[in-house]
C-alpha atoms as a PDB file:
ATOM      1  CA  MET A   1      -0.300   0.276  -0.222  1.00  0.00           C
ATOM      2  CA  GLU A   2       1.103   3.688  -1.161  1.00  0.00           C
ATOM      3  CA  SER A   3       1.393   6.006   1.584  1.00  0.00           C
ATOM      4  CA  LYS A   4      -0.136   9.293   0.694  1.00  0.00           C
ATOM      5  CA  PHE A   5       2.243  11.277   2.776  1.00  0.00           C
ATOM      6  CA  LYS A   6       5.019   9.941   0.231  1.00  0.00           C
ATOM      7  CA  ASP A   7       6.157  13.325  -0.473  1.00  0.00           C
ATOM      8  CA  ILE A   8       5.802  14.990   2.740  1.00  0.00           C
ATOM      9  CA  TYR A   9       9.498  16.550   4.183  1.00  0.00           C
ATOM     10  CA  ILE A  10       8.524  17.395   7.081  1.00  0.00           C
ATOM     11  CA  GLY A  11      11.784  18.686   8.049  1.00  0.00           C
ATOM     12  CA  LYS A  12      11.603  21.567   5.389  1.00  0.00           C
ATOM     13  CA  ILE A  13       8.301  22.602   6.040  1.00  0.00           C
ATOM     14  CA  ILE A  14       9.528  23.334   9.995  1.00  0.00           C
ATOM     15  CA  GLN A  15      12.473  24.947   8.681  1.00  0.00           C
ATOM     16  CA  GLN A  16      10.441  26.889   6.099  1.00  0.00           C
ATOM     17  CA  LYS A  17       8.290  28.054   9.291  1.00  0.00           C
ATOM     18  CA  VAL A  18      10.908  29.382  11.482  1.00  0.00           C
ATOM     19  CA  ASP A  19      12.800  31.230   8.279  1.00  0.00           C
ATOM     20  CA  GLU A  20       9.123  32.707   7.827  1.00  0.00           C
ATOM     21  CA  ARG A  21       9.481  34.094  11.485  1.00  0.00           C
ATOM     22  CA  HIS A  22      12.620  35.193  11.884  1.00  0.00           C
ATOM     23  CA  ILE A  23      13.728  33.128  14.360  1.00  0.00           C
ATOM     24  CA  SER A  24      17.254  32.823  14.984  1.00  0.00           C
ATOM     25  CA  TYR A  25      17.931  28.162  14.531  1.00  0.00           C
ATOM     26  CA  ALA A  26      19.864  28.864  17.874  1.00  0.00           C
ATOM     27  CA  GLU A  27      16.966  30.461  19.326  1.00  0.00           C
ATOM     28  CA  PHE A  28      14.442  27.788  18.232  1.00  0.00           C
ATOM     29  CA  ALA A  29      16.315  25.165  18.979  1.00  0.00           C
ATOM     30  CA  ARG A  30      16.802  26.241  22.857  1.00  0.00           C
ATOM     31  CA  GLN A  31      12.587  26.177  22.735  1.00  0.00           C
ATOM     32  CA  ILE A  32      12.394  22.765  21.448  1.00  0.00           C
ATOM     33  CA  HIS A  33      15.031  21.439  24.146  1.00  0.00           C
ATOM     34  CA  CYS A  34      17.460  20.208  21.804  1.00  0.00           C
ATOM     35  CA  ALA A  35      20.976  21.270  20.819  1.00  0.00           C
ATOM     36  CA  ARG A  36      21.276  23.240  17.451  1.00  0.00           C
ATOM     37  CA  THR A  37      23.376  20.541  15.602  1.00  0.00           C
ATOM     38  CA  SER A  38      20.222  18.104  16.521  1.00  0.00           C
ATOM     39  CA  LEU A  39      18.121  20.863  14.724  1.00  0.00           C
ATOM     40  CA  TYR A  40      19.691  20.343  11.176  1.00  0.00           C
ATOM     41  CA  HIS A  41      18.648  16.532  11.532  1.00  0.00           C
ATOM     42  CA  ILE A  42      15.175  17.603  12.085  1.00  0.00           C
ATOM     43  CA  PHE A  43      15.703  19.997   9.153  1.00  0.00           C
ATOM     44  CA  ASN A  44      17.116  17.105   7.309  1.00  0.00           C
ATOM     45  CA  SER A  45      14.293  14.883   8.015  1.00  0.00           C
ATOM     46  CA  LYS A  46      11.194  13.334   6.737  1.00  0.00           C
ATOM     47  CA  ASN A  47       9.918  11.715   9.653  1.00  0.00           C
ATOM     48  CA  ILE A  48       9.171  13.116  13.147  1.00  0.00           C
ATOM     49  CA  ASP A  49       8.013  11.991  16.631  1.00  0.00           C
ATOM     50  CA  VAL A  50       4.774  13.466  17.634  1.00  0.00           C
ATOM     51  CA  GLU A  51       5.737  14.560  20.462  1.00  0.00           C
ATOM     52  CA  ARG A  52       8.268  16.837  19.079  1.00  0.00           C
ATOM     53  CA  LEU A  53       5.849  18.199  15.983  1.00  0.00           C
ATOM     54  CA  LEU A  54       3.127  18.876  18.928  1.00  0.00           C
ATOM     55  CA  LEU A  55       6.086  21.301  20.439  1.00  0.00           C
ATOM     56  CA  ILE A  56       7.489  22.327  17.320  1.00  0.00           C
ATOM     57  CA  SER A  57       3.940  23.222  16.881  1.00  0.00           C
ATOM     58  CA  GLU A  58       3.396  25.352  20.095  1.00  0.00           C
ATOM     59  CA  VAL A  59       6.703  26.959  19.440  1.00  0.00           C
ATOM     60  CA  LEU A  60       6.181  28.094  16.239  1.00  0.00           C
ATOM     61  CA  GLN A  61       1.791  28.903  16.171  1.00  0.00           C
ATOM     62  CA  TYR A  62       1.850  26.550  13.123  1.00  0.00           C
ATOM     63  CA  ASN A  63      -0.512  23.169  13.414  1.00  0.00           C
ATOM     64  CA  PHE A  64       1.515  20.783  11.717  1.00  0.00           C
ATOM     65  CA  ILE A  65      -0.992  18.140  11.944  1.00  0.00           C
ATOM     66  CA  GLU A  66      -4.201  19.938  11.087  1.00  0.00           C
ATOM     67  CA  GLU A  67      -2.388  22.399   8.211  1.00  0.00           C
ATOM     68  CA  ILE A  68      -0.281  19.810   6.218  1.00  0.00           C
ATOM     69  CA  TYR A  69      -1.226  16.237   7.256  1.00  0.00           C
ATOM     70  CA  LEU A  70      -5.133  16.067   7.723  1.00  0.00           C
ATOM     71  CA  LYS A  71      -5.393  18.547   5.058  1.00  0.00           C
ATOM     72  CA  ARG A  72      -3.463  16.123   2.932  1.00  0.00           C
ATOM     73  CA  SER A  73      -5.453  13.500   3.769  1.00  0.00           C
ATOM     74  CA  SER A  74      -8.840  14.873   3.059  1.00  0.00           C
ATOM     75  CA  GLN A  75      -7.280  16.697  -0.373  1.00  0.00           C
ATOM     76  CA  GLN A  76      -5.824  13.299  -2.087  1.00  0.00           C
ATOM     77  CA  GLU A  77      -9.465  11.564  -0.878  1.00  0.00           C
ATOM     78  CA  LYS A  78     -10.935  14.270  -3.055  1.00  0.00           C
ATOM     79  CA  GLU A  79      -8.658  13.612  -6.542  1.00  0.00           C
ATOM     80  CA  TYR A  80     -10.798  10.894  -7.528  1.00  0.00           C
ATOM     81  CA  PRO A  81     -14.040  11.509  -8.864  1.00  0.00           C
ATOM     82  CA  TYR A  82     -16.967   8.830  -7.298  1.00  0.00           C
ATOM     83  CA  ILE A  83     -20.885   8.425  -7.772  1.00  0.00           C
ATOM     84  CA  VAL A  84     -23.245   7.814  -4.470  1.00  0.00           C
ATOM     85  CA  ILE A  85     -25.633   5.354  -5.925  1.00  0.00           C
ATOM     86  CA  PRO A  86     -28.559   4.408  -3.567  1.00  0.00           C
ATOM     87  CA  ILE A  87     -30.035   0.806  -2.367  1.00  0.00           C
ATOM     88  CA  LYS A  88     -33.612   0.381  -2.053  1.00  0.00           C
ATOM     89  CA  ASN A  89     -35.054  -3.153  -1.061  1.00  0.00           C
ATOM     90  CA  GLN A  90     -31.433  -4.505  -1.634  1.00  0.00           C
ATOM     91  CA  ASN A  91     -31.521  -3.375  -5.205  1.00  0.00           C
ATOM     92  CA  ILE A  92     -29.337  -0.823  -6.753  1.00  0.00           C
ATOM     93  CA  ASP A  93     -31.701   1.807  -7.570  1.00  0.00           C
ATOM     94  CA  ILE A  94     -29.383   3.715 -10.912  1.00  0.00           C
ATOM     95  CA  SER A  95     -32.857   5.394 -11.929  1.00  0.00           C
ATOM     96  CA  HIS A  96     -31.440   8.925 -11.265  1.00  0.00           C
ATOM     97  CA  LEU A  97     -28.038   8.227 -13.558  1.00  0.00           C
ATOM     98  CA  PRO A  98     -27.229   9.731 -16.938  1.00  0.00           C
ATOM     99  CA  GLU A  99     -27.911   6.611 -19.403  1.00  0.00           C
ATOM    100  CA  GLU A 100     -24.499   6.432 -20.405  1.00  0.00           C
ATOM    101  CA  PHE A 101     -23.557   5.648 -16.488  1.00  0.00           C
ATOM    102  CA  LYS A 102     -26.443   3.284 -16.196  1.00  0.00           C
ATOM    103  CA  GLU A 103     -25.166   1.393 -19.711  1.00  0.00           C
ATOM    104  CA  LEU A 104     -21.869   1.329 -17.954  1.00  0.00           C
ATOM    105  CA  LEU A 105     -22.916   0.258 -14.600  1.00  0.00           C
ATOM    106  CA  ARG A 106     -25.400  -2.671 -16.425  1.00  0.00           C
ATOM    107  CA  HIS A 107     -22.013  -4.222 -18.347  1.00  0.00           C
ATOM    108  CA  GLU A 108     -19.537  -3.428 -15.054  1.00  0.00           C
ATOM    109  CA  LEU A 109     -20.912  -4.221 -12.197  1.00  0.00           C
ATOM    110  CA  LEU A 110     -24.260  -5.357 -12.745  1.00  0.00           C
END
């Protein structure tokens, strides 16, 4: 199964938010309780511990989980078109669909 989040590099996004807020790396490292050298490891990371991400979110006043992961997940779900077919008395009701869909469904599914 392919991950929905394979192209998210959270460290780069964190670094971008730090830069946008004009916080020095030394100050940011102090606020998240890590050595400055460890900060560069975070900036180059694809993954991050959830507790650390929550602390970083608090320090930067940016909700990474909501803004990146949840929105991205819901956006990817919307990428594929779908139709809703109601079921009546255990039968699929396709009467409301255009004829070309009805024909396709008859040949492919029914």
